[in-house]
C-alpha atoms as a PDB file:
ATOM      1  CA  UNK A   1      47.502  -0.530-156.533  1.00  0.00           C
ATOM      2  CA  UNK A   2      48.911   1.188-153.796  1.00  0.00           C
ATOM      3  CA  UNK A   3      45.850   0.248-151.824  1.00  0.00           C
ATOM      4  CA  UNK A   4      45.700   3.679-150.073  1.00  0.00           C
ATOM      5  CA  UNK A   5      41.949   2.874-149.134  1.00  0.00           C
ATOM      6  CA  UNK A   6      41.815  -0.938-148.588  1.00  0.00           C
ATOM      7  CA  UNK A   7      39.219  -1.601-146.418  1.00  0.00           C
ATOM      8  CA  UNK A   8      37.642   1.092-146.897  1.00  0.00           C
ATOM      9  CA  UNK A   9      33.873   1.598-148.324  1.00  0.00           C
ATOM     10  CA  UNK A  10      32.706   4.746-150.025  1.00  0.00           C
ATOM     11  CA  UNK A  11      30.384   6.432-151.921  1.00  0.00           C
ATOM     12  CA  UNK A  12      30.598   8.507-155.271  1.00  0.00           C
ATOM     13  CA  UNK A  13      27.645  10.367-156.736  1.00  0.00           C
ATOM     14  CA  UNK A  14      27.220  11.615-160.148  1.00  0.00           C
ATOM     15  CA  UNK A  15      27.584   8.554-162.057  1.00  0.00           C
ATOM     16  CA  UNK A  16      27.847   9.317-165.353  1.00  0.00           C
ATOM     17  CA  UNK A  17      30.293  10.116-168.372  1.00  0.00           C
ATOM     18  CA  UNK A  18      33.326  12.079-166.918  1.00  0.00           C
ATOM     19  CA  UNK A  19      34.743  13.155-163.413  1.00  0.00           C
ATOM     20  CA  UNK A  20      32.279  10.716-161.168  1.00  0.00           C
ATOM     21  CA  UNK A  21      33.172   7.487-163.056  1.00  0.00           C
ATOM     22  CA  UNK A  22      36.777   8.937-162.379  1.00  0.00           C
ATOM     23  CA  UNK A  23      36.445   9.281-158.759  1.00  0.00           C
ATOM     24  CA  UNK A  24      35.075   6.284-158.743  1.00  0.00           C
ATOM     25  CA  UNK A  25      37.887   3.939-160.502  1.00  0.00           C
ATOM     26  CA  UNK A  26      40.514   5.885-158.772  1.00  0.00           C
ATOM     27  CA  UNK A  27      38.437   4.637-155.069  1.00  0.00           C
ATOM     28  CA  UNK A  28      38.359   1.529-156.676  1.00  0.00           C
ATOM     29  CA  UNK A  29      41.818   0.979-157.509  1.00  0.00           C
ATOM     30  CA  UNK A  30      42.807   2.078-154.275  1.00  0.00           C
ATOM     31  CA  UNK A  31      41.034  -0.781-152.600  1.00  0.00           C
ATOM     32  CA  UNK A  32      38.136   0.819-151.880  1.00  0.00           C
ATOM     33  CA  UNK A  33      34.579  -1.004-152.054  1.00  0.00           C
ATOM     34  CA  UNK A  34      32.148   1.435-154.395  1.00  0.00           C
ATOM     35  CA  UNK A  35      28.666   2.508-154.305  1.00  0.00           C
ATOM     36  CA  UNK A  36      27.694   3.639-157.322  1.00  0.00           C
ATOM     37  CA  UNK A  37      25.363   6.265-157.457  1.00  0.00           C
ATOM     38  CA  UNK A  38      23.415   8.663-160.137  1.00  0.00           C
ATOM     39  CA  UNK A  39      20.254   8.370-162.127  1.00  0.00           C
ATOM     40  CA  UNK A  40      20.972   6.272-164.839  1.00  0.00           C
ATOM     41  CA  UNK A  41      20.995   3.213-164.491  1.00  0.00           C
ATOM     42  CA  UNK A  42      22.877   2.218-167.630  1.00  0.00           C
ATOM     43  CA  UNK A  43      25.627   4.342-166.512  1.00  0.00           C
ATOM     44  CA  UNK A  44      25.582   2.660-163.428  1.00  0.00           C
ATOM     45  CA  UNK A  45      25.927  -0.514-164.228  1.00  0.00           C
ATOM     46  CA  UNK A  46      28.509  -0.091-167.105  1.00  0.00           C
ATOM     47  CA  UNK A  47      30.381   1.256-164.886  1.00  0.00           C
ATOM     48  CA  UNK A  48      30.282  -1.271-161.561  1.00  0.00           C
ATOM     49  CA  UNK A  49      31.031  -4.008-164.503  1.00  0.00           C
ATOM     50  CA  UNK A  50      34.507  -2.134-165.729  1.00  0.00           C
ATOM     51  CA  UNK A  51      35.775  -2.094-161.522  1.00  0.00           C
ATOM     52  CA  UNK A  52      34.644  -5.351-161.135  1.00  0.00           C
ATOM     53  CA  UNK A  53      36.776  -6.256-164.388  1.00  0.00           C
ATOM     54  CA  UNK A  54      40.013  -4.906-163.095  1.00  0.00           C
ATOM     55  CA  UNK A  55      39.174  -7.095-159.479  1.00  0.00           C
ATOM     56  CA  UNK A  56      37.120  -4.129-157.572  1.00  0.00           C
ATOM     57  CA  UNK A  57      33.984  -4.414-155.864  1.00  0.00           C
ATOM     58  CA  UNK A  58      30.858  -1.897-156.455  1.00  0.00           C
ATOM     59  CA  UNK A  59      26.992  -2.006-156.022  1.00  0.00           C
ATOM     60  CA  UNK A  60      24.864   0.178-158.177  1.00  0.00           C
ATOM     61  CA  UNK A  61      22.415   2.246-156.512  1.00  0.00           C
ATOM     62  CA  UNK A  62      20.249   4.342-158.540  1.00  0.00           C
ATOM     63  CA  UNK A  63      19.461   7.353-156.985  1.00  0.00           C
ATOM     64  CA  UNK A  64      18.287  11.215-157.735  1.00  0.00           C
ATOM     65  CA  UNK A  65      20.082  13.049-155.491  1.00  0.00           C
ATOM     66  CA  UNK A  66      17.146  16.226-155.057  1.00  0.00           C
ATOM     67  CA  UNK A  67      15.069  13.503-153.241  1.00  0.00           C
ATOM     68  CA  UNK A  68      15.660  13.175-149.705  1.00  0.00           C
ATOM     69  CA  UNK A  69      13.990   9.755-149.684  1.00  0.00           C
ATOM     70  CA  UNK A  70      16.065   8.036-152.131  1.00  0.00           C
ATOM     71  CA  UNK A  71      19.374   9.774-150.785  1.00  0.00           C
ATOM     72  CA  UNK A  72      18.447   8.028-147.228  1.00  0.00           C
ATOM     73  CA  UNK A  73      18.019   4.625-149.588  1.00  0.00           C
ATOM     74  CA  UNK A  74      21.466   4.687-150.918  1.00  0.00           C
ATOM     75  CA  UNK A  75      22.776   5.290-147.611  1.00  0.00           C
ATOM     76  CA  UNK A  76      21.203   2.309-146.348  1.00  0.00           C
ATOM     77  CA  UNK A  77      21.918   0.299-149.329  1.00  0.00           C
ATOM     78  CA  UNK A  78      25.800   1.416-149.517  1.00  0.00           C
ATOM     79  CA  UNK A  79      26.227   0.305-145.532  1.00  0.00           C
ATOM     80  CA  UNK A  80      24.188  -3.237-146.083  1.00  0.00           C
ATOM     81  CA  UNK A  81      25.712  -3.919-149.034  1.00  0.00           C
ATOM     82  CA  UNK A  82      29.055  -2.967-148.943  1.00  0.00           C
ATOM     83  CA  UNK A  83      29.264  -3.810-144.892  1.00  0.00           C
ATOM     84  CA  UNK A  84      29.424   0.044-143.656  1.00  0.00           C
ATOM     85  CA  UNK A  85      30.212   3.616-144.907  1.00  0.00           C
ATOM     86  CA  UNK A  86      33.536   5.170-144.346  1.00  0.00           C
ATOM     87  CA  UNK A  87      33.664   7.665-147.356  1.00  0.00           C
ATOM     88  CA  UNK A  88      31.138  10.126-149.094  1.00  0.00           C
ATOM     89  CA  UNK A  89      32.342  12.091-152.315  1.00  0.00           C
ATOM     90  CA  UNK A  90      29.465  14.705-153.496  1.00  0.00           C
ATOM     91  CA  UNK A  91      30.238  14.589-157.146  1.00  0.00           C
ATOM     92  CA  UNK A  92      26.512  14.981-158.507  1.00  0.00           C
ATOM     93  CA  UNK A  93      26.050  18.681-159.990  1.00  0.00           C
ATOM     94  CA  UNK A  94      23.280  20.505-162.420  1.00  0.00           C
ATOM     95  CA  UNK A  95      24.626  22.781-164.798  1.00  0.00           C
ATOM     96  CA  UNK A  96      23.373  26.824-165.617  1.00  0.00           C
ATOM     97  CA  UNK A  97      20.617  27.668-167.996  1.00  0.00           C
ATOM     98  CA  UNK A  98      23.552  30.688-169.142  1.00  0.00           C
ATOM     99  CA  UNK A  99      20.898  33.393-168.871  1.00  0.00           C
ATOM    100  CA  UNK A 100      22.113  36.564-166.653  1.00  0.00           C
ATOM    101  CA  UNK A 101      20.763  37.274-163.825  1.00  0.00           C
ATOM    102  CA  UNK A 102      18.316  39.912-164.595  1.00  0.00           C
ATOM    103  CA  UNK A 103      16.630  37.601-167.251  1.00  0.00           C
ATOM    104  CA  UNK A 104      16.937  34.414-165.208  1.00  0.00           C
ATOM    105  CA  UNK A 105      14.390  32.028-164.348  1.00  0.00           C
ATOM    106  CA  UNK A 106      15.209  31.982-160.589  1.00  0.00           C
ATOM    107  CA  UNK A 107      13.148  28.655-160.161  1.00  0.00           C
ATOM    108  CA  UNK A 108      15.593  26.925-162.439  1.00  0.00           C
ATOM    109  CA  UNK A 109      18.251  28.470-160.209  1.00  0.00           C
ATOM    110  CA  UNK A 110      15.936  26.534-157.025  1.00  0.00           C
ATOM    111  CA  UNK A 111      16.675  23.026-159.111  1.00  0.00           C
ATOM    112  CA  UNK A 112      20.584  23.885-159.504  1.00  0.00           C
ATOM    113  CA  UNK A 113      20.430  24.350-155.602  1.00  0.00           C
ATOM    114  CA  UNK A 114      18.371  21.022-155.218  1.00  0.00           C
ATOM    115  CA  UNK A 115      21.153  19.238-156.624  1.00  0.00           C
ATOM    116  CA  UNK A 116      24.310  21.055-156.440  1.00  0.00           C
ATOM    117  CA  UNK A 117      23.621  22.037-152.912  1.00  0.00           C
ATOM    118  CA  UNK A 118      21.369  20.451-151.205  1.00  0.00           C
ATOM    119  CA  UNK A 119      21.284  16.929-152.936  1.00  0.00           C
ATOM    120  CA  UNK A 120      25.420  17.029-152.020  1.00  0.00           C
ATOM    121  CA  UNK A 121      23.739  17.684-147.931  1.00  0.00           C
ATOM    122  CA  UNK A 122      20.782  15.196-147.883  1.00  0.00           C
ATOM    123  CA  UNK A 123      23.339  12.364-148.650  1.00  0.00           C
ATOM    124  CA  UNK A 124      26.031  13.455-146.928  1.00  0.00           C
ATOM    125  CA  UNK A 125      23.295  13.692-144.090  1.00  0.00           C
ATOM    126  CA  UNK A 126      21.836  10.609-144.321  1.00  0.00           C
ATOM    127  CA  UNK A 127      25.366   8.853-144.539  1.00  0.00           C
ATOM    128  CA  UNK A 128      26.294  10.233-141.050  1.00  0.00           C
ATOM    129  CA  UNK A 129      25.028   7.781-138.795  1.00  0.00           C
ATOM    130  CA  UNK A 130      26.865   4.949-140.588  1.00  0.00           C
ATOM    131  CA  UNK A 131      29.839   6.824-140.577  1.00  0.00           C
ATOM    132  CA  UNK A 132      30.022   7.715-136.708  1.00  0.00           C
ATOM    133  CA  UNK A 133      28.685   3.856-136.428  1.00  0.00           C
ATOM    134  CA  UNK A 134      32.231   3.185-138.319  1.00  0.00           C
ATOM    135  CA  UNK A 135      34.409   5.286-136.237  1.00  0.00           C
ATOM    136  CA  UNK A 136      34.511   8.438-138.346  1.00  0.00           C
ATOM    137  CA  UNK A 137      35.182   8.507-142.142  1.00  0.00           C
ATOM    138  CA  UNK A 138      35.992  11.623-144.702  1.00  0.00           C
ATOM    139  CA  UNK A 139      33.304  13.692-146.964  1.00  0.00           C
ATOM    140  CA  UNK A 140      34.532  15.213-149.897  1.00  0.00           C
ATOM    141  CA  UNK A 141      32.448  17.856-151.714  1.00  0.00           C
ATOM    142  CA  UNK A 142      33.317  18.696-155.421  1.00  0.00           C
ATOM    143  CA  UNK A 143      32.702  22.105-155.887  1.00  0.00           C
ATOM    144  CA  UNK A 144      34.230  24.638-158.974  1.00  0.00           C
ATOM    145  CA  UNK A 145      36.426  27.628-159.284  1.00  0.00           C
ATOM    146  CA  UNK A 146      33.354  28.980-160.698  1.00  0.00           C
ATOM    147  CA  UNK A 147      32.879  29.982-157.017  1.00  0.00           C
ATOM    148  CA  UNK A 148      35.926  31.488-157.144  1.00  0.00           C
ATOM    149  CA  UNK A 149      35.744  33.234-160.355  1.00  0.00           C
ATOM    150  CA  UNK A 150      32.951  35.033-161.164  1.00  0.00           C
ATOM    151  CA  UNK A 151      31.382  35.348-164.365  1.00  0.00           C
ATOM    152  CA  UNK A 152      28.019  36.150-166.492  1.00  0.00           C
ATOM    153  CA  UNK A 153      25.566  33.484-167.557  1.00  0.00           C
ATOM    154  CA  UNK A 154      26.472  31.419-163.889  1.00  0.00           C
ATOM    155  CA  UNK A 155      24.981  32.775-161.183  1.00  0.00           C
ATOM    156  CA  UNK A 156      23.242  30.040-160.266  1.00  0.00           C
ATOM    157  CA  UNK A 157      25.880  27.298-160.864  1.00  0.00           C
ATOM    158  CA  UNK A 158      28.550  29.323-159.093  1.00  0.00           C
ATOM    159  CA  UNK A 159      26.458  30.575-155.835  1.00  0.00           C
ATOM    160  CA  UNK A 160      25.479  26.902-155.408  1.00  0.00           C
ATOM    161  CA  UNK A 161      29.015  25.359-155.813  1.00  0.00           C
ATOM    162  CA  UNK A 162      29.717  28.802-153.099  1.00  0.00           C
ATOM    163  CA  UNK A 163      27.415  27.920-150.717  1.00  0.00           C
ATOM    164  CA  UNK A 164      28.641  24.699-150.882  1.00  0.00           C
ATOM    165  CA  UNK A 165      31.831  25.955-149.832  1.00  0.00           C
ATOM    166  CA  UNK A 166      30.642  27.188-147.173  1.00  0.00           C
ATOM    167  CA  UNK A 167      28.890  24.526-145.597  1.00  0.00           C
ATOM    168  CA  UNK A 168      31.558  22.206-145.663  1.00  0.00           C
ATOM    169  CA  UNK A 169      33.435  24.439-143.052  1.00  0.00           C
ATOM    170  CA  UNK A 170      30.565  24.201-141.050  1.00  0.00           C
ATOM    171  CA  UNK A 171      29.827  20.232-141.356  1.00  0.00           C
ATOM    172  CA  UNK A 172      33.525  19.975-140.509  1.00  0.00           C
ATOM    173  CA  UNK A 173      33.228  22.048-137.409  1.00  0.00           C
ATOM    174  CA  UNK A 174      30.249  20.016-135.869  1.00  0.00           C
ATOM    175  CA  UNK A 175      31.637  16.492-137.451  1.00  0.00           C
ATOM    176  CA  UNK A 176      35.046  16.800-136.371  1.00  0.00           C
ATOM    177  CA  UNK A 177      34.353  15.275-132.605  1.00  0.00           C
ATOM    178  CA  UNK A 178      32.915  12.247-134.898  1.00  0.00           C
ATOM    179  CA  UNK A 179      36.142  11.937-136.250  1.00  0.00           C
ATOM    180  CA  UNK A 180      34.344  12.856-139.921  1.00  0.00           C
ATOM    181  CA  UNK A 181      36.202  14.500-141.674  1.00  0.00           C
ATOM    182  CA  UNK A 182      34.738  17.124-144.229  1.00  0.00           C
ATOM    183  CA  UNK A 183      36.965  18.618-146.809  1.00  0.00           C
ATOM    184  CA  UNK A 184      35.808  19.944-150.688  1.00  0.00           C
ATOM    185  CA  UNK A 185      38.152  19.757-153.895  1.00  0.00           C
ATOM    186  CA  UNK A 186      37.955  22.534-156.197  1.00  0.00           C
ATOM    187  CA  UNK A 187      38.273  21.965-160.029  1.00  0.00           C
ATOM    188  CA  UNK A 188      38.426  24.372-162.626  1.00  0.00           C
ATOM    189  CA  UNK A 189      38.905  23.145-166.529  1.00  0.00           C
ATOM    190  CA  UNK A 190      38.660  19.568-166.697  1.00  0.00           C
ATOM    191  CA  UNK A 191      39.677  17.528-169.511  1.00  0.00           C
ATOM    192  CA  UNK A 192      37.053  14.930-169.823  1.00  0.00           C
ATOM    193  CA  UNK A 193      33.588  13.977-172.332  1.00  0.00           C
ATOM    194  CA  UNK A 194      32.559  17.967-171.277  1.00  0.00           C
ATOM    195  CA  UNK A 195      34.886  19.648-172.145  1.00  0.00           C
ATOM    196  CA  UNK A 196      35.962  17.606-175.004  1.00  0.00           C
ATOM    197  CA  UNK A 197      32.099  18.217-176.384  1.00  0.00           C
ATOM    198  CA  UNK A 198      32.935  22.154-175.640  1.00  0.00           C
ATOM    199  CA  UNK A 199      36.242  22.292-177.857  1.00  0.00           C
ATOM    200  CA  UNK A 200      34.117  21.017-180.548  1.00  0.00           C
ATOM    201  CA  UNK A 201      31.115  23.300-180.399  1.00  0.00           C
ATOM    202  CA  UNK A 202      34.022  26.004-180.496  1.00  0.00           C
ATOM    203  CA  UNK A 203      35.292  23.858-183.905  1.00  0.00           C
ATOM    204  CA  UNK A 204      31.673  23.750-185.175  1.00  0.00           C
ATOM    205  CA  UNK A 205      30.731  27.356-184.365  1.00  0.00           C
ATOM    206  CA  UNK A 206      33.867  29.852-184.882  1.00  0.00           C
ATOM    207  CA  UNK A 207      35.690  27.522-187.520  1.00  0.00           C
ATOM    208  CA  UNK A 208      38.804  27.227-185.462  1.00  0.00           C
ATOM    209  CA  UNK A 209      40.960  24.312-184.868  1.00  0.00           C
ATOM    210  CA  UNK A 210      40.549  21.843-182.099  1.00  0.00           C
ATOM    211  CA  UNK A 211      44.299  22.827-181.161  1.00  0.00           C
ATOM    212  CA  UNK A 212      43.645  26.509-181.055  1.00  0.00           C
ATOM    213  CA  UNK A 213      40.052  25.934-179.134  1.00  0.00           C
ATOM    214  CA  UNK A 214      42.106  24.204-176.367  1.00  0.00           C
ATOM    215  CA  UNK A 215      45.343  26.867-176.267  1.00  0.00           C
ATOM    216  CA  UNK A 216      42.851  29.839-176.065  1.00  0.00           C
ATOM    217  CA  UNK A 217      42.242  27.614-172.715  1.00  0.00           C
ATOM    218  CA  UNK A 218      45.529  26.052-172.200  1.00  0.00           C
ATOM    219  CA  UNK A 219      46.768  30.289-172.009  1.00  0.00           C
ATOM    220  CA  UNK A 220      45.721  31.356-168.791  1.00  0.00           C
ATOM    221  CA  UNK A 221      46.660  27.935-166.728  1.00  0.00           C
ATOM    222  CA  UNK A 222      49.973  28.551-166.011  1.00  0.00           C
ATOM    223  CA  UNK A 223      50.932  24.845-166.465  1.00  0.00           C
ATOM    224  CA  UNK A 224      50.063  24.999-169.495  1.00  0.00           C
ATOM    225  CA  UNK A 225      47.468  22.134-169.909  1.00  0.00           C
ATOM    226  CA  UNK A 226      43.473  21.331-168.621  1.00  0.00           C
ATOM    227  CA  UNK A 227      43.770  18.962-165.569  1.00  0.00           C
ATOM    228  CA  UNK A 228      42.886  15.345-166.642  1.00  0.00           C
ATOM    229  CA  UNK A 229      39.756  14.240-164.176  1.00  0.00           C
ATOM    230  CA  UNK A 230      42.282  11.667-163.146  1.00  0.00           C
ATOM    231  CA  UNK A 231      44.284  14.202-161.681  1.00  0.00           C
ATOM    232  CA  UNK A 232      41.309  15.974-159.872  1.00  0.00           C
ATOM    233  CA  UNK A 233      40.011  12.442-158.901  1.00  0.00           C
ATOM    234  CA  UNK A 234      43.180  11.767-157.111  1.00  0.00           C
ATOM    235  CA  UNK A 235      42.903  14.901-155.334  1.00  0.00           C
ATOM    236  CA  UNK A 236      39.719  13.177-153.891  1.00  0.00           C
ATOM    237  CA  UNK A 237      41.774  10.029-153.147  1.00  0.00           C
ATOM    238  CA  UNK A 238      43.731  12.013-151.130  1.00  0.00           C
ATOM    239  CA  UNK A 239      41.411  13.426-148.885  1.00  0.00           C
ATOM    240  CA  UNK A 240      39.441   9.971-148.966  1.00  0.00           C
ATOM    241  CA  UNK A 241      42.784   8.116-147.331  1.00  0.00           C
ATOM    242  CA  UNK A 242      43.948   8.273-144.267  1.00  0.00           C
ATOM    243  CA  UNK A 243      47.106  10.276-145.901  1.00  0.00           C
ATOM    244  CA  UNK A 244      44.741  13.486-144.658  1.00  0.00           C
ATOM    245  CA  UNK A 245      43.610  12.282-141.968  1.00  0.00           C
ATOM    246  CA  UNK A 246      44.507  15.447-139.820  1.00  0.00           C
ATOM    247  CA  UNK A 247      43.059  17.392-142.631  1.00  0.00           C
ATOM    248  CA  UNK A 248      39.236  18.631-142.740  1.00  0.00           C
ATOM    249  CA  UNK A 249      37.291  22.047-143.568  1.00  0.00           C
ATOM    250  CA  UNK A 250      39.957  23.000-146.199  1.00  0.00           C
ATOM    251  CA  UNK A 251      39.057  22.537-150.060  1.00  0.00           C
ATOM    252  CA  UNK A 252      42.009  22.171-152.503  1.00  0.00           C
ATOM    253  CA  UNK A 253      41.836  24.262-156.240  1.00  0.00           C
ATOM    254  CA  UNK A 254      43.141  21.925-158.691  1.00  0.00           C
ATOM    255  CA  UNK A 255      42.876  23.892-161.885  1.00  0.00           C
ATOM    256  CA  UNK A 256      46.633  23.993-162.682  1.00  0.00           C
ATOM    257  CA  UNK A 257      47.376  27.545-161.281  1.00  0.00           C
ATOM    258  CA  UNK A 258      44.521  29.388-163.136  1.00  0.00           C
ATOM    259  CA  UNK A 259      42.919  30.471-160.060  1.00  0.00           C
ATOM    260  CA  UNK A 260      44.907  31.167-156.468  1.00  0.00           C
ATOM    261  CA  UNK A 261      42.234  31.889-153.593  1.00  0.00           C
END
């Protein structure tokens, strides 16, 4: 443990199988106490137990980020149980339906926005008083390369993440006077459970091997590998730490070089 986040208290949303868990583990590894938020109590309890077993401190707070009252409760419980809030990581997300725009049910787009955009903003807004009380802190939004590179069938998801990138810049300007930094991490492909499922689906549907399916992805990535979720989590650790104390309103792309904005 290098202790980059010793003494800091963090909220992490989106604790399911994948990036949210990797982020929480990375923050705990660096010394932060973590409030874990997700709808699934099972995921929360499992991860809280793993962090505690490794010598860290975690509190599980069941939360649907689309519900403003639950977001307020998350911030209150985190501040009370941990002793304050220094870091907020918004990792909760809702995927798209895969429908092209002309056929899309825009009510489903609204549900995507309720999680990806408004959910992240509601959690952040609820945490702002506690961040101010502690003299400042760091907010990190998890965006997506989908907002950089448009693809069919992802309009709701991509546009919600694009809106989140823009919102982060506005918040950075407005909250800078309170020493609250607001930045975004922008992953592309992330090697973890979700991409593993995609590879398995390609094997079943197309009859290719797993290596062939992965090679189709890495062939577009200059570094030649799908970035592991732990590497994306390390970018979050950077923004959360004092190494980034003079950085705000920025977006850090973690995609192996596949897309350069």
